[in-house]
Amino acid sequence: MRELIVEAKDENLDEVLDFVNKQLEELDCPMKTQISVDVAVEEIFVNISHYAYSPGKGSATIRTEIIEDPLGVSLTFLDHGIPYDPLAKEDPDITLSADDRQIGGLGIFMVKKSMDDVTYEYKDGHNILTIKKNIQ
């Protein structure tokens, strides 16, 4: 397992993506899968930076772990901000036009659809969101 701790602010997104991508490259991850993971990482990290500590500041921890069978990666995002389960919100109705749809929820919906597993728990004062993606 590897770990990166950064201040939860948009300016650190590139550092987070570089950290994740370095490990994906070590796995010879196909570019299509890497892009899918990058979109999910960006969505989750930006949500933490915008909402977890608002209006204050705090850190985000990103842990990566290689999964052996099937080959894949597990990414865990931890923050000690406001308790929030993004998976509890109902998925948006994507059959509606953009004008008729409620604002919000589309990013985490895309994460849930593009990853092989997404879980959330609140434990010991931390939001813990884990995403898993098989490397194909």
C-alpha atoms as a PDB file:
ATOM      1  CA  MET A   1       0.000   0.000   0.000  1.00  0.00           C
ATOM      2  CA  ARG A   2       1.135   3.529  -0.783  1.00  0.00           C
ATOM      3  CA  GLU A   3      -0.200   6.723   0.703  1.00  0.00           C
ATOM      4  CA  LEU A   4      -0.277  10.407  -0.182  1.00  0.00           C
ATOM      5  CA  ILE A   5      -1.488  13.134   2.168  1.00  0.00           C
ATOM      6  CA  VAL A   6      -2.227  16.561   0.699  1.00  0.00           C
ATOM      7  CA  GLU A   7      -4.194  19.627   1.644  1.00  0.00           C
ATOM      8  CA  ALA A   8      -7.688  19.222   0.192  1.00  0.00           C
ATOM      9  CA  LYS A   9      -7.581  21.995  -2.385  1.00  0.00           C
ATOM     10  CA  ASP A  10      -7.986  22.002  -6.153  1.00  0.00           C
ATOM     11  CA  GLU A  11      -4.373  23.056  -6.695  1.00  0.00           C
ATOM     12  CA  ASN A  12      -3.245  19.622  -5.463  1.00  0.00           C
ATOM     13  CA  LEU A  13      -5.295  17.625  -7.991  1.00  0.00           C
ATOM     14  CA  ASP A  14      -2.321  17.210 -10.360  1.00  0.00           C
ATOM     15  CA  GLU A  15      -0.203  15.805  -7.524  1.00  0.00           C
ATOM     16  CA  VAL A  16      -2.961  13.325  -6.657  1.00  0.00           C
ATOM     17  CA  LEU A  17      -3.370  12.251 -10.301  1.00  0.00           C
ATOM     18  CA  ASP A  18       0.408  11.864 -10.708  1.00  0.00           C
ATOM     19  CA  PHE A  19       0.515   9.700  -7.570  1.00  0.00           C
ATOM     20  CA  VAL A  20      -2.278   7.428  -8.828  1.00  0.00           C
ATOM     21  CA  ASN A  21      -1.040   7.276 -12.421  1.00  0.00           C
ATOM     22  CA  LYS A  22       2.479   6.289 -11.390  1.00  0.00           C
ATOM     23  CA  GLN A  23       1.048   3.171  -9.824  1.00  0.00           C
ATOM     24  CA  LEU A  24      -1.270   2.444 -12.745  1.00  0.00           C
ATOM     25  CA  GLU A  25       1.691   2.696 -15.118  1.00  0.00           C
ATOM     26  CA  GLU A  26       3.617   0.174 -13.005  1.00  0.00           C
ATOM     27  CA  LEU A  27       0.727  -2.234 -13.674  1.00  0.00           C
ATOM     28  CA  ASP A  28       0.844  -1.571 -17.431  1.00  0.00           C
ATOM     29  CA  CYS A  29      -2.701  -0.269 -17.108  1.00  0.00           C
ATOM     30  CA  PRO A  30      -4.389   0.314 -20.478  1.00  0.00           C
ATOM     31  CA  MET A  31      -4.900   4.003 -21.265  1.00  0.00           C
ATOM     32  CA  LYS A  32      -8.696   3.616 -21.471  1.00  0.00           C
ATOM     33  CA  THR A  33      -8.791   2.228 -17.924  1.00  0.00           C
ATOM     34  CA  GLN A  34      -6.357   4.875 -16.670  1.00  0.00           C
ATOM     35  CA  ILE A  35      -8.558   7.651 -18.061  1.00  0.00           C
ATOM     36  CA  SER A  36     -11.588   6.100 -16.383  1.00  0.00           C
ATOM     37  CA  VAL A  37      -9.752   5.975 -13.050  1.00  0.00           C
ATOM     38  CA  ASP A  38      -8.483   9.550 -13.511  1.00  0.00           C
ATOM     39  CA  VAL A  39     -12.028  10.864 -14.028  1.00  0.00           C
ATOM     40  CA  ALA A  40     -13.171   9.106 -10.845  1.00  0.00           C
ATOM     41  CA  VAL A  41     -10.157  10.361  -8.850  1.00  0.00           C
ATOM     42  CA  GLU A  42     -10.743  13.916 -10.032  1.00  0.00           C
ATOM     43  CA  GLU A  43     -14.434  13.806  -9.124  1.00  0.00           C
ATOM     44  CA  ILE A  44     -13.796  12.447  -5.645  1.00  0.00           C
ATOM     45  CA  PHE A  45     -10.829  14.679  -4.805  1.00  0.00           C
ATOM     46  CA  VAL A  46     -12.524  17.856  -6.069  1.00  0.00           C
ATOM     47  CA  ASN A  47     -15.631  17.014  -4.024  1.00  0.00           C
ATOM     48  CA  ILE A  48     -13.461  16.614  -0.919  1.00  0.00           C
ATOM     49  CA  SER A  49     -11.656  19.887  -1.610  1.00  0.00           C
ATOM     50  CA  HIS A  50     -14.913  21.803  -2.159  1.00  0.00           C
ATOM     51  CA  TYR A  51     -17.189  20.347   0.499  1.00  0.00           C
ATOM     52  CA  ALA A  52     -15.470  18.313   3.229  1.00  0.00           C
ATOM     53  CA  TYR A  53     -14.143  21.236   5.247  1.00  0.00           C
ATOM     54  CA  SER A  54     -16.181  24.154   3.963  1.00  0.00           C
ATOM     55  CA  PRO A  55     -15.485  26.895   4.850  1.00  0.00           C
ATOM     56  CA  GLY A  56     -12.300  25.689   6.582  1.00  0.00           C
ATOM     57  CA  LYS A  57      -9.291  23.702   5.402  1.00  0.00           C
ATOM     58  CA  GLY A  58      -8.134  20.144   5.929  1.00  0.00           C
ATOM     59  CA  SER A  59      -6.231  17.260   4.435  1.00  0.00           C
ATOM     60  CA  ALA A  60      -7.085  14.370   2.183  1.00  0.00           C
ATOM     61  CA  THR A  61      -5.355  11.022   2.290  1.00  0.00           C
ATOM     62  CA  ILE A  62      -5.211   8.865  -0.830  1.00  0.00           C
ATOM     63  CA  ARG A  63      -4.170   5.235  -0.419  1.00  0.00           C
ATOM     64  CA  THR A  64      -3.468   2.913  -3.311  1.00  0.00           C
ATOM     65  CA  GLU A  65      -3.317  -0.836  -3.100  1.00  0.00           C
ATOM     66  CA  ILE A  66      -2.718  -3.402  -5.810  1.00  0.00           C
ATOM     67  CA  ILE A  67      -5.253  -6.204  -5.995  1.00  0.00           C
ATOM     68  CA  GLU A  68      -3.885  -9.512  -7.254  1.00  0.00           C
ATOM     69  CA  ASP A  69      -6.848 -11.574  -8.433  1.00  0.00           C
ATOM     70  CA  PRO A  70      -8.209 -10.217 -10.624  1.00  0.00           C
ATOM     71  CA  LEU A  71      -5.455  -7.689 -11.217  1.00  0.00           C
ATOM     72  CA  GLY A  72      -6.644  -4.254 -10.233  1.00  0.00           C
ATOM     73  CA  VAL A  73      -6.227  -1.244  -8.022  1.00  0.00           C
ATOM     74  CA  SER A  74      -8.025  -0.101  -4.907  1.00  0.00           C
ATOM     75  CA  LEU A  75      -8.015   3.631  -4.149  1.00  0.00           C
ATOM     76  CA  THR A  76      -9.153   4.872  -0.760  1.00  0.00           C
ATOM     77  CA  PHE A  77      -9.893   8.526  -0.040  1.00  0.00           C
ATOM     78  CA  LEU A  78      -9.980   9.640   3.596  1.00  0.00           C
ATOM     79  CA  ASP A  79     -10.869  12.998   5.071  1.00  0.00           C
ATOM     80  CA  HIS A  80     -11.904  14.125   8.522  1.00  0.00           C
ATOM     81  CA  GLY A  81     -14.400  16.675   7.247  1.00  0.00           C
ATOM     82  CA  ILE A  82     -18.167  16.841   7.526  1.00  0.00           C
ATOM     83  CA  PRO A  83     -19.643  13.302   7.518  1.00  0.00           C
ATOM     84  CA  TYR A  84     -21.119  12.704   4.063  1.00  0.00           C
ATOM     85  CA  ASP A  85     -22.027   9.487   2.266  1.00  0.00           C
ATOM     86  CA  PRO A  86     -22.105  10.296  -1.463  1.00  0.00           C
ATOM     87  CA  LEU A  87     -23.508   6.836  -2.195  1.00  0.00           C
ATOM     88  CA  ALA A  88     -26.649   7.477  -0.129  1.00  0.00           C
ATOM     89  CA  LYS A  89     -27.953  10.046  -2.598  1.00  0.00           C
ATOM     90  CA  GLU A  90     -30.352   8.690  -5.192  1.00  0.00           C
ATOM     91  CA  ASP A  91     -28.880   8.389  -8.686  1.00  0.00           C
ATOM     92  CA  PRO A  92     -29.939  11.161 -11.069  1.00  0.00           C
ATOM     93  CA  ASP A  93     -32.569  10.354 -13.676  1.00  0.00           C
ATOM     94  CA  ILE A  94     -30.398  10.494 -16.778  1.00  0.00           C
ATOM     95  CA  THR A  95     -33.444  10.001 -19.023  1.00  0.00           C
ATOM     96  CA  LEU A  96     -34.475  13.589 -18.254  1.00  0.00           C
ATOM     97  CA  SER A  97     -33.076  16.518 -20.181  1.00  0.00           C
ATOM     98  CA  ALA A  98     -30.360  18.564 -18.486  1.00  0.00           C
ATOM     99  CA  ASP A  99     -32.904  21.355 -17.927  1.00  0.00           C
ATOM    100  CA  ASP A 100     -35.331  19.015 -16.128  1.00  0.00           C
ATOM    101  CA  ARG A 101     -32.724  17.244 -13.982  1.00  0.00           C
ATOM    102  CA  GLN A 102     -31.790  18.330 -10.461  1.00  0.00           C
ATOM    103  CA  ILE A 103     -28.342  19.848 -10.082  1.00  0.00           C
ATOM    104  CA  GLY A 104     -25.666  17.598  -8.567  1.00  0.00           C
ATOM    105  CA  GLY A 105     -25.047  13.908  -8.264  1.00  0.00           C
ATOM    106  CA  LEU A 106     -23.936  13.241 -11.826  1.00  0.00           C
ATOM    107  CA  GLY A 107     -20.219  13.010 -10.954  1.00  0.00           C
ATOM    108  CA  ILE A 108     -20.587  10.347  -8.257  1.00  0.00           C
ATOM    109  CA  PHE A 109     -23.059   8.545 -10.549  1.00  0.00           C
ATOM    110  CA  MET A 110     -20.320   8.374 -13.206  1.00  0.00           C
ATOM    111  CA  VAL A 111     -17.865   7.078 -10.581  1.00  0.00           C
ATOM    112  CA  LYS A 112     -20.300   4.316  -9.564  1.00  0.00           C
ATOM    113  CA  LYS A 113     -20.882   3.314 -13.190  1.00  0.00           C
ATOM    114  CA  SER A 114     -17.223   3.344 -14.253  1.00  0.00           C
ATOM    115  CA  MET A 115     -15.629   1.578 -11.281  1.00  0.00           C
ATOM    116  CA  ASP A 116     -15.989  -2.115 -10.445  1.00  0.00           C
ATOM    117  CA  ASP A 117     -16.757  -1.409  -6.784  1.00  0.00           C
ATOM    118  CA  VAL A 118     -17.439   1.724  -4.727  1.00  0.00           C
ATOM    119  CA  THR A 119     -17.928   1.706  -0.949  1.00  0.00           C
ATOM    120  CA  TYR A 120     -18.278   4.319   1.763  1.00  0.00           C
ATOM    121  CA  GLU A 121     -18.020   4.246   5.529  1.00  0.00           C
ATOM    122  CA  TYR A 122     -17.659   6.789   8.305  1.00  0.00           C
ATOM    123  CA  LYS A 123     -15.261   5.504  10.920  1.00  0.00           C
ATOM    124  CA  ASP A 124     -13.209   7.091  13.688  1.00  0.00           C
ATOM    125  CA  GLY A 125     -14.119  10.595  12.527  1.00  0.00           C
ATOM    126  CA  HIS A 126     -13.195   9.941   8.886  1.00  0.00           C
ATOM    127  CA  ASN A 127     -15.109   9.746   5.630  1.00  0.00           C
ATOM    128  CA  ILE A 128     -13.673   6.714   3.838  1.00  0.00           C
ATOM    129  CA  LEU A 129     -14.561   6.235   0.170  1.00  0.00           C
ATOM    130  CA  THR A 130     -12.970   3.307  -1.644  1.00  0.00           C
ATOM    131  CA  ILE A 131     -13.093   2.650  -5.374  1.00  0.00           C
ATOM    132  CA  LYS A 132     -11.812  -0.469  -7.106  1.00  0.00           C
ATOM    133  CA  LYS A 133     -11.040  -0.959 -10.759  1.00  0.00           C
ATOM    134  CA  ASN A 134      -9.961  -4.132 -12.497  1.00  0.00           C
ATOM    135  CA  ILE A 135      -7.078  -3.704 -14.934  1.00  0.00           C
ATOM    136  CA  GLN A 136      -8.104  -5.287 -18.221  1.00  0.00           C
END
